[in-house]
Amino acid sequence: FCLIIAGFLPAPALDTPVNIMISFVCALQVEAFRKMNGNTYATTMCTGNLRSGTELLTMGSFEGNSGKKRKGLWYYWIDVTFALGGAAGAFLSRFFAERAVWISACVLIGAILFIECQKKKGEV
């Protein structure tokens, strides 16, 4: 809801409150989306994922462990989707300006609904 409200606030007059709201949503995202497939991921930054992915790929290669390699590739997949999301955000911001944040809100709401459905099925 913070992202939806942020889309209504005029720029640049209210940039500081919007930055605070976006930071709050990022903190919530970090807390809510910690694990996937049994691995811990950072969904708001790439550096930790790059380190973990590289470590697992290297260890998997030296040990001949395909499971570690697969886990390492998952970390890279998270970073690729992060970069694609950033590029999409930049592209959409050119057309929708501050209203582009509503698309992020829809994506996050969709992710939350998906996770809740999976919890009800007992798959998460």
Protein backbone atom coordinates (compact mmCIF):
# COMPACT_ATOMS: atom_id res chain seq x y z
CA PHE A 1 0.00 0.00 0.00
CA CYS A 2 2.97 2.30 0.57
CA LEU A 3 3.95 1.92 -3.08
CA ILE A 4 0.43 2.71 -4.23
CA ILE A 5 0.36 5.86 -2.09
CA ALA A 6 3.83 6.83 -3.35
CA GLY A 7 2.52 6.86 -6.91
CA PHE A 8 0.03 9.58 -6.00
CA LEU A 9 2.55 11.90 -4.35
CA PRO A 10 3.87 14.69 -6.58
CA ALA A 11 7.54 14.77 -7.48
CA PRO A 12 9.91 16.42 -6.60
CA ALA A 13 8.02 18.14 -3.76
CA LEU A 14 7.57 14.94 -1.73
CA ASP A 15 10.66 12.96 -2.74
CA THR A 16 11.84 12.52 0.86
CA PRO A 17 8.62 10.88 2.12
CA VAL A 18 8.54 8.68 -0.98
CA ASN A 19 12.16 7.59 -0.39
CA ILE A 20 11.25 6.70 3.19
CA MET A 21 8.25 4.70 2.01
CA ILE A 22 10.28 2.85 -0.65
CA SER A 23 12.98 2.05 1.93
CA PHE A 24 10.32 0.68 4.26
CA VAL A 25 8.91 -1.54 1.51
CA CYS A 26 12.43 -2.78 0.71
CA ALA A 27 12.92 -3.70 4.36
CA LEU A 28 9.63 -5.60 4.34
CA GLN A 29 10.64 -7.37 1.13
CA VAL A 30 13.98 -8.42 2.62
CA GLU A 31 12.17 -9.91 5.60
CA ALA A 32 9.30 -11.52 3.67
CA PHE A 33 11.26 -13.12 0.84
CA ARG A 34 14.25 -14.64 2.61
CA LYS A 35 14.23 -18.22 1.33
CA MET A 36 13.46 -20.07 -1.86
CA ASN A 37 14.13 -23.75 -2.51
CA GLY A 38 15.78 -24.00 0.89
CA ASN A 39 18.37 -21.28 0.16
CA THR A 40 18.63 -17.82 1.67
CA TYR A 41 18.59 -15.00 -0.90
CA ALA A 42 18.82 -11.23 -0.92
CA THR A 43 15.99 -9.91 -3.09
CA THR A 44 16.89 -6.21 -2.92
CA MET A 45 20.61 -6.39 -3.82
CA CYS A 46 22.92 -8.59 -5.86
CA THR A 47 26.33 -8.71 -4.20
CA GLY A 48 25.59 -11.37 -1.58
CA ASN A 49 23.86 -13.53 -4.16
CA LEU A 50 26.83 -13.23 -6.53
CA ARG A 51 29.18 -14.31 -3.76
CA SER A 52 27.01 -17.24 -2.67
CA GLY A 53 26.36 -18.35 -6.25
CA THR A 54 30.03 -18.17 -7.19
CA GLU A 55 31.04 -20.05 -4.05
CA LEU A 56 28.54 -22.84 -4.72
CA LEU A 57 29.45 -23.08 -8.41
CA THR A 58 33.16 -23.25 -7.57
CA MET A 59 32.72 -25.80 -4.80
CA GLY A 60 30.37 -27.84 -6.95
CA SER A 61 32.85 -27.83 -9.83
CA PHE A 62 35.83 -28.88 -7.70
CA GLU A 63 33.83 -31.52 -5.82
CA GLY A 64 31.88 -32.75 -8.85
CA ASN A 65 28.68 -31.98 -6.93
CA SER A 66 25.90 -31.12 -9.38
CA GLY A 67 23.55 -30.20 -6.51
CA LYS A 68 25.82 -27.37 -5.41
CA LYS A 69 26.19 -26.20 -8.99
CA ARG A 70 22.41 -26.13 -9.39
CA LYS A 71 22.03 -24.11 -6.19
CA GLY A 72 24.72 -21.72 -7.40
CA LEU A 73 22.83 -21.19 -10.64
CA TRP A 74 19.68 -20.36 -8.64
CA TYR A 75 21.58 -17.47 -7.05
CA TYR A 76 22.54 -16.22 -10.49
CA TRP A 77 18.93 -16.59 -11.65
CA ILE A 78 17.80 -14.35 -8.77
CA ASP A 79 20.36 -11.74 -9.85
CA VAL A 80 19.29 -11.94 -13.50
CA THR A 81 15.66 -11.38 -12.54
CA PHE A 82 16.76 -8.50 -10.28
CA ALA A 83 18.59 -6.88 -13.20
CA LEU A 84 15.64 -7.44 -15.54
CA GLY A 85 13.33 -5.86 -12.97
CA GLY A 86 15.63 -2.86 -12.69
CA ALA A 87 15.76 -2.47 -16.46
CA ALA A 88 11.97 -2.80 -16.70
CA GLY A 89 11.60 -0.18 -13.96
CA ALA A 90 13.86 2.24 -15.80
CA PHE A 91 11.97 1.66 -19.04
CA LEU A 92 8.53 2.03 -17.45
CA SER A 93 9.59 5.14 -15.52
CA ARG A 94 10.21 6.90 -18.83
CA PHE A 95 6.54 6.43 -19.75
CA PHE A 96 4.76 6.52 -16.41
CA ALA A 97 7.12 8.66 -14.28
CA GLU A 98 6.31 8.27 -10.56
CA ARG A 99 3.22 6.19 -11.42
CA ALA A 100 5.52 3.32 -12.51
CA VAL A 101 5.80 2.37 -8.85
CA TRP A 102 2.26 1.00 -9.11
CA ILE A 103 3.57 -1.78 -11.34
CA SER A 104 6.01 -2.77 -8.59
CA ALA A 105 3.13 -2.77 -6.13
CA CYS A 106 1.15 -5.11 -8.37
CA VAL A 107 4.10 -7.48 -8.75
CA LEU A 108 4.67 -7.62 -4.98
CA ILE A 109 0.96 -8.14 -4.28
CA GLY A 110 0.98 -10.94 -6.87
CA ALA A 111 3.98 -12.56 -5.20
CA ILE A 112 2.34 -12.37 -1.78
CA LEU A 113 -0.90 -13.88 -3.10
CA PHE A 114 1.03 -16.66 -4.85
CA ILE A 115 2.93 -17.50 -1.66
CA GLU A 116 -0.27 -17.49 0.39
CA CYS A 117 -1.91 -19.88 -2.11
CA GLN A 118 1.13 -22.16 -1.90
CA LYS A 119 0.98 -22.10 1.91
CA LYS A 120 -2.66 -23.19 1.81
CA LYS A 121 -1.68 -26.06 -0.48
CA GLY A 122 1.12 -26.94 1.93
CA GLU A 123 3.85 -26.45 -0.69
CA VAL A 124 5.73 -23.66 1.10
